[in-house]
Amino acid sequence: MAKNSKDDLVTWALDPKDVIVLVNRSQKNFVLDLPTGLYRLDIGRKMRTLRSILKIESVRKLVDAGSLAVE
């Protein structure tokens, strides 16, 4: 049996600039309808995710309204 090196197990390289933290700054819990499924973001909670989430219209509207913030 051949040994796999660590490099063989990596399928894609993550650019740290593409990672954001989405924070619920409102007084409401949100259920985000994402392509991967539903995600609940409670009051004051943070979600570490990729910047591409901002391309989703419902998420973009919440950010523009100030309900969600990007850190």
N, C-alpha and C. Protein backbone atom coordinates (compact mmCIF):
# COMPACT_ATOMS: atom_id res chain seq x y z
N MET A 1 0.84 -1.18 0.00
CA MET A 1 0.00 0.00 0.00
C MET A 1 0.88 1.23 0.00
N ALA A 2 0.66 2.14 -0.93
CA ALA A 2 1.46 3.36 -1.04
C ALA A 2 1.00 4.38 -0.02
N LYS A 3 1.97 5.12 0.48
CA LYS A 3 1.65 6.19 1.43
C LYS A 3 1.26 7.44 0.67
N ASN A 4 0.22 8.13 1.14
CA ASN A 4 -0.18 9.40 0.56
C ASN A 4 0.51 10.53 1.30
N SER A 5 1.09 11.45 0.57
CA SER A 5 1.67 12.61 1.22
C SER A 5 0.55 13.61 1.51
N LYS A 6 0.85 14.57 2.37
CA LYS A 6 -0.14 15.58 2.74
C LYS A 6 -0.60 16.36 1.50
N ASP A 7 0.33 16.61 0.56
CA ASP A 7 0.00 17.36 -0.65
C ASP A 7 -0.99 16.61 -1.54
N ASP A 8 -0.98 15.29 -1.48
CA ASP A 8 -1.90 14.50 -2.29
C ASP A 8 -3.33 14.61 -1.79
N LEU A 9 -3.52 14.96 -0.51
CA LEU A 9 -4.84 15.01 0.09
C LEU A 9 -5.53 16.36 -0.10
N VAL A 10 -4.79 17.40 -0.45
CA VAL A 10 -5.36 18.73 -0.64
C VAL A 10 -5.97 18.82 -2.03
N THR A 11 -7.26 19.15 -2.08
CA THR A 11 -7.93 19.22 -3.38
C THR A 11 -7.99 20.62 -3.95
N TRP A 12 -7.90 21.64 -3.07
CA TRP A 12 -7.85 23.02 -3.53
C TRP A 12 -7.23 23.87 -2.45
N ALA A 13 -6.57 24.94 -2.86
CA ALA A 13 -5.91 25.82 -1.90
C ALA A 13 -6.82 26.99 -1.58
N LEU A 14 -6.98 27.27 -0.31
CA LEU A 14 -7.85 28.33 0.15
C LEU A 14 -7.06 29.63 0.26
N ASP A 15 -7.57 30.68 -0.35
CA ASP A 15 -6.96 32.00 -0.24
C ASP A 15 -7.55 32.68 0.99
N PRO A 16 -6.74 33.05 1.97
CA PRO A 16 -7.26 33.66 3.20
C PRO A 16 -8.09 34.93 2.96
N LYS A 17 -7.86 35.62 1.85
CA LYS A 17 -8.64 36.83 1.55
C LYS A 17 -10.08 36.48 1.17
N ASP A 18 -10.33 35.24 0.82
CA ASP A 18 -11.68 34.81 0.44
C ASP A 18 -12.52 34.39 1.63
N VAL A 19 -11.93 34.32 2.81
CA VAL A 19 -12.65 33.90 4.01
C VAL A 19 -13.11 35.14 4.77
N ILE A 20 -14.41 35.17 5.11
CA ILE A 20 -14.98 36.27 5.88
C ILE A 20 -15.73 35.71 7.08
N VAL A 21 -16.09 36.61 7.98
CA VAL A 21 -16.95 36.25 9.11
C VAL A 21 -18.21 37.08 8.95
N LEU A 22 -19.34 36.41 8.87
CA LEU A 22 -20.64 37.05 8.74
C LEU A 22 -21.27 37.07 10.13
N VAL A 23 -21.65 38.27 10.61
CA VAL A 23 -22.16 38.43 11.97
C VAL A 23 -23.60 38.93 11.93
N ASN A 24 -24.46 38.30 12.73
CA ASN A 24 -25.85 38.74 12.85
C ASN A 24 -25.89 39.86 13.89
N ARG A 25 -26.05 41.10 13.43
CA ARG A 25 -26.08 42.26 14.32
C ARG A 25 -27.51 42.71 14.63
N SER A 26 -28.49 41.98 14.18
CA SER A 26 -29.89 42.35 14.39
C SER A 26 -30.42 41.73 15.68
N GLN A 27 -31.67 41.96 15.93
CA GLN A 27 -32.35 41.34 17.08
C GLN A 27 -33.27 40.22 16.62
N LYS A 28 -32.95 39.64 15.46
CA LYS A 28 -33.74 38.55 14.88
C LYS A 28 -32.82 37.39 14.53
N ASN A 29 -33.37 36.18 14.62
CA ASN A 29 -32.67 35.00 14.11
C ASN A 29 -32.99 34.90 12.62
N PHE A 30 -32.01 34.49 11.83
CA PHE A 30 -32.23 34.34 10.39
C PHE A 30 -32.00 32.90 9.98
N VAL A 31 -32.78 32.44 9.03
CA VAL A 31 -32.55 31.17 8.37
C VAL A 31 -32.17 31.52 6.94
N LEU A 32 -30.90 31.32 6.63
CA LEU A 32 -30.38 31.65 5.30
C LEU A 32 -30.58 30.47 4.37
N ASP A 33 -31.17 30.74 3.22
CA ASP A 33 -31.39 29.70 2.21
C ASP A 33 -30.20 29.71 1.27
N LEU A 34 -29.22 28.86 1.55
CA LEU A 34 -27.99 28.80 0.78
C LEU A 34 -28.04 27.63 -0.20
N PRO A 35 -27.21 27.66 -1.23
CA PRO A 35 -27.19 26.56 -2.21
C PRO A 35 -26.91 25.19 -1.56
N THR A 36 -26.22 25.21 -0.43
CA THR A 36 -25.90 23.95 0.26
C THR A 36 -26.97 23.53 1.25
N GLY A 37 -27.99 24.37 1.42
CA GLY A 37 -29.07 24.05 2.35
C GLY A 37 -29.36 25.21 3.28
N LEU A 38 -30.26 25.00 4.22
CA LEU A 38 -30.64 26.05 5.15
C LEU A 38 -29.59 26.18 6.25
N TYR A 39 -29.34 27.43 6.67
CA TYR A 39 -28.37 27.70 7.73
C TYR A 39 -28.98 28.72 8.69
N ARG A 40 -29.07 28.38 9.95
CA ARG A 40 -29.64 29.29 10.95
C ARG A 40 -28.52 30.13 11.56
N LEU A 41 -28.71 31.44 11.52
CA LEU A 41 -27.76 32.38 12.12
C LEU A 41 -28.49 33.16 13.19
N ASP A 42 -28.25 32.78 14.43
CA ASP A 42 -28.95 33.38 15.56
C ASP A 42 -28.41 34.77 15.91
N ILE A 43 -29.15 35.48 16.73
CA ILE A 43 -28.80 36.82 17.18
C ILE A 43 -27.39 36.81 17.77
N GLY A 44 -26.54 37.71 17.26
CA GLY A 44 -25.20 37.87 17.80
C GLY A 44 -24.20 36.81 17.40
N ARG A 45 -24.62 35.81 16.65
CA ARG A 45 -23.72 34.71 16.28
C ARG A 45 -22.92 35.06 15.03
N LYS A 46 -21.80 34.35 14.86
CA LYS A 46 -20.91 34.55 13.73
C LYS A 46 -20.84 33.29 12.88
N MET A 47 -20.59 33.50 11.60
CA MET A 47 -20.47 32.39 10.66
C MET A 47 -19.21 32.62 9.83
N ARG A 48 -18.26 31.70 9.90
CA ARG A 48 -17.06 31.80 9.08
C ARG A 48 -17.38 31.14 7.74
N THR A 49 -17.18 31.89 6.66
CA THR A 49 -17.60 31.39 5.35
C THR A 49 -16.75 32.03 4.26
N LEU A 50 -17.06 31.70 3.04
CA LEU A 50 -16.37 32.28 1.90
C LEU A 50 -17.05 33.55 1.43
N ARG A 51 -16.26 34.48 0.92
CA ARG A 51 -16.77 35.77 0.43
C ARG A 51 -17.84 35.60 -0.64
N SER A 52 -17.83 34.52 -1.34
CA SER A 52 -18.80 34.28 -2.41
C SER A 52 -20.24 34.23 -1.90
N ILE A 53 -20.44 34.08 -0.58
CA ILE A 53 -21.79 34.07 -0.02
C ILE A 53 -22.48 35.42 -0.28
N LEU A 54 -21.68 36.47 -0.46
CA LEU A 54 -22.25 37.80 -0.70
C LEU A 54 -22.89 37.92 -2.09
N LYS A 55 -22.68 36.93 -2.93
CA LYS A 55 -23.32 36.92 -4.26
C LYS A 55 -24.76 36.45 -4.17
N ILE A 56 -25.15 35.86 -3.06
CA ILE A 56 -26.52 35.38 -2.87
C ILE A 56 -27.39 36.58 -2.51
N GLU A 57 -28.43 36.81 -3.29
CA GLU A 57 -29.24 38.02 -3.18
C GLU A 57 -29.81 38.24 -1.78
N SER A 58 -30.34 37.21 -1.16
CA SER A 58 -30.96 37.37 0.16
C SER A 58 -29.92 37.76 1.21
N VAL A 59 -28.72 37.21 1.11
CA VAL A 59 -27.65 37.55 2.04
C VAL A 59 -27.19 38.98 1.79
N ARG A 60 -27.04 39.34 0.52
CA ARG A 60 -26.62 40.70 0.15
C ARG A 60 -27.60 41.74 0.69
N LYS A 61 -28.90 41.47 0.60
CA LYS A 61 -29.91 42.40 1.10
C LYS A 61 -29.78 42.60 2.61
N LEU A 62 -29.53 41.52 3.34
CA LEU A 62 -29.38 41.61 4.80
C LEU A 62 -28.12 42.40 5.17
N VAL A 63 -27.06 42.23 4.41
CA VAL A 63 -25.83 42.99 4.65
C VAL A 63 -26.06 44.46 4.34
N ASP A 64 -26.71 44.74 3.22
CA ASP A 64 -26.99 46.14 2.83
C ASP A 64 -27.89 46.84 3.83
N ALA A 65 -28.81 46.09 4.44
CA ALA A 65 -29.73 46.65 5.42
C ALA A 65 -29.08 46.82 6.80
N GLY A 66 -27.89 46.25 6.99
CA GLY A 66 -27.19 46.36 8.25
C GLY A 66 -27.54 45.27 9.25
N SER A 67 -28.39 44.34 8.86
CA SER A 67 -28.75 43.23 9.76
C SER A 67 -27.60 42.26 9.93
N LEU A 68 -26.85 42.05 8.87
CA LEU A 68 -25.64 41.22 8.90
C LEU A 68 -24.43 42.11 8.59
N ALA A 69 -23.32 41.81 9.21
CA ALA A 69 -22.09 42.56 8.97
C ALA A 69 -20.98 41.59 8.59
N VAL A 70 -20.04 42.11 7.80
CA VAL A 70 -18.89 41.32 7.39
C VAL A 70 -17.68 41.78 8.21
N GLU A 71 -17.03 40.83 8.86
CA GLU A 71 -15.80 41.14 9.62
C GLU A 71 -14.62 40.51 8.94
